[in-house]
Amino acid sequence: MAQNYIQEGDVMPYVVPDATTIVRGAGVLVGDLLGVALGNGSAGDTIQLALEGVFEMPKAAGAISQGAKIYWNATDKNLTTTASGNKLAGYAFVGAASGDATVQLRLQL
């Protein structure tokens, strides 16, 4: 193994910013990268963010077809098919109907 190897990279440590609380399962945007919190944390805590896998996450109104690109809306804290002003989160693992409150997201690295 290379001497400069650190870890697999499927989980990333993240320090919760001041005046912030994060709950397990929440989407957390770090720059352009969306992770899913694996635990709860408040200001100054270090939590772990999953960067790989499939997670059921809240979605905006509208249907999402399986395999569609989906984006994280940092303001509304949900997933959408609208690219403009949002960050690529990954792909719909299965489709979701317009009235569904959630969609299964396959995280995109």
Protein backbone atom coordinates (compact mmCIF):
# COMPACT_ATOMS: atom_id res chain seq x y z
CA MET A 1 0.00 0.00 0.00
CA ALA A 2 1.21 3.52 -0.74
CA GLN A 3 2.84 5.32 2.17
CA ASN A 4 0.59 8.34 1.63
CA TYR A 5 -2.70 6.36 1.93
CA ILE A 6 -5.03 7.85 4.56
CA GLN A 7 -8.40 6.05 4.34
CA GLU A 8 -11.06 4.75 1.91
CA GLY A 9 -12.85 8.10 1.71
CA ASP A 10 -16.45 6.94 2.13
CA VAL A 11 -16.77 8.86 5.42
CA MET A 12 -15.43 12.35 6.17
CA PRO A 13 -14.99 14.10 9.53
CA TYR A 14 -16.77 17.45 9.74
CA VAL A 15 -16.68 20.12 12.45
CA VAL A 16 -20.15 21.57 13.06
CA PRO A 17 -20.06 25.37 12.57
CA ASP A 18 -20.95 27.88 15.30
CA ALA A 19 -24.67 28.35 16.02
CA THR A 20 -25.49 25.15 14.14
CA THR A 21 -27.06 21.84 15.13
CA ILE A 22 -27.03 18.85 12.81
CA VAL A 23 -29.20 15.77 13.25
CA ARG A 24 -28.37 12.27 12.08
CA GLY A 25 -29.57 11.72 8.51
CA ALA A 26 -29.45 15.39 7.54
CA GLY A 27 -27.81 16.52 4.33
CA VAL A 28 -24.70 18.61 4.94
CA LEU A 29 -23.14 20.63 2.13
CA VAL A 30 -19.35 21.03 2.41
CA GLY A 31 -18.28 23.24 -0.46
CA ASP A 32 -19.74 21.47 -3.50
CA LEU A 33 -19.90 18.07 -1.78
CA LEU A 34 -23.06 16.73 -0.13
CA GLY A 35 -22.65 14.31 2.77
CA VAL A 36 -25.20 12.69 5.07
CA ALA A 37 -24.69 13.10 8.82
CA LEU A 38 -24.11 9.76 10.54
CA GLY A 39 -24.71 11.26 13.99
CA ASN A 40 -25.99 14.31 15.84
CA GLY A 41 -23.78 17.29 16.61
CA SER A 42 -23.80 20.90 17.70
CA ALA A 43 -21.33 23.78 17.35
CA GLY A 44 -17.74 22.60 17.63
CA ASP A 45 -18.52 18.87 17.59
CA THR A 46 -16.84 16.66 15.01
CA ILE A 47 -19.32 14.36 13.29
CA GLN A 48 -18.94 11.88 10.46
CA LEU A 49 -20.50 12.44 7.03
CA ALA A 50 -21.22 9.58 4.65
CA LEU A 51 -20.03 10.34 1.13
CA GLU A 52 -21.16 7.09 -0.47
CA GLY A 53 -24.29 5.02 -0.35
CA VAL A 54 -28.03 5.30 -0.85
CA PHE A 55 -30.08 7.43 1.55
CA GLU A 56 -33.77 8.35 1.73
CA MET A 57 -33.90 12.14 1.80
CA PRO A 58 -36.60 14.83 1.66
CA LYS A 59 -37.50 16.09 -1.80
CA ALA A 60 -39.18 19.08 -3.37
CA ALA A 61 -42.53 18.80 -5.14
CA GLY A 62 -42.52 17.04 -8.48
CA ALA A 63 -41.80 13.58 -9.77
CA ILE A 64 -38.24 12.27 -10.07
CA SER A 65 -37.50 9.41 -12.44
CA GLN A 66 -35.07 6.63 -11.59
CA GLY A 67 -31.53 7.54 -12.57
CA ALA A 68 -32.26 11.27 -12.83
CA LYS A 69 -29.64 13.74 -11.62
CA ILE A 70 -30.81 15.33 -8.39
CA TYR A 71 -29.53 18.44 -6.68
CA TRP A 72 -29.36 19.67 -3.08
CA ASN A 73 -31.30 22.86 -2.36
CA ALA A 74 -29.36 24.25 0.62
CA THR A 75 -32.08 26.79 1.42
CA ASP A 76 -34.99 24.33 1.57
CA LYS A 77 -32.81 21.40 2.73
CA ASN A 78 -34.25 19.02 0.15
CA LEU A 79 -33.54 17.37 -3.18
CA THR A 80 -34.77 18.67 -6.51
CA THR A 81 -34.26 18.12 -10.23
CA THR A 82 -33.58 21.86 -10.61
CA ALA A 83 -29.87 22.39 -11.27
CA SER A 84 -29.86 26.20 -11.24
CA GLY A 85 -28.62 27.54 -7.90
CA ASN A 86 -28.26 24.05 -6.41
CA LYS A 87 -25.41 21.53 -6.01
CA LEU A 88 -25.32 18.10 -7.65
CA ALA A 89 -26.04 15.53 -4.93
CA GLY A 90 -26.26 12.35 -6.99
CA TYR A 91 -28.86 10.26 -8.77
CA ALA A 92 -32.30 8.91 -7.97
CA PHE A 93 -31.79 5.29 -6.96
CA VAL A 94 -35.49 4.63 -7.56
CA GLY A 95 -38.17 6.92 -8.94
CA ALA A 96 -40.39 9.08 -6.73
CA ALA A 97 -43.91 10.29 -7.50
CA SER A 98 -44.86 13.96 -7.37
CA GLY A 99 -46.67 13.53 -4.04
CA ASP A 100 -43.85 11.58 -2.36
CA ALA A 101 -42.10 13.41 0.47
CA THR A 102 -38.79 11.60 -0.06
CA VAL A 103 -36.55 10.10 -2.72
CA GLN A 104 -33.76 7.56 -2.51
CA LEU A 105 -30.51 9.34 -3.32
CA ARG A 106 -27.34 7.59 -4.46
CA LEU A 107 -24.66 10.04 -3.35
CA GLN A 108 -22.35 11.37 -6.07
CA LEU A 109 -18.66 11.80 -5.38
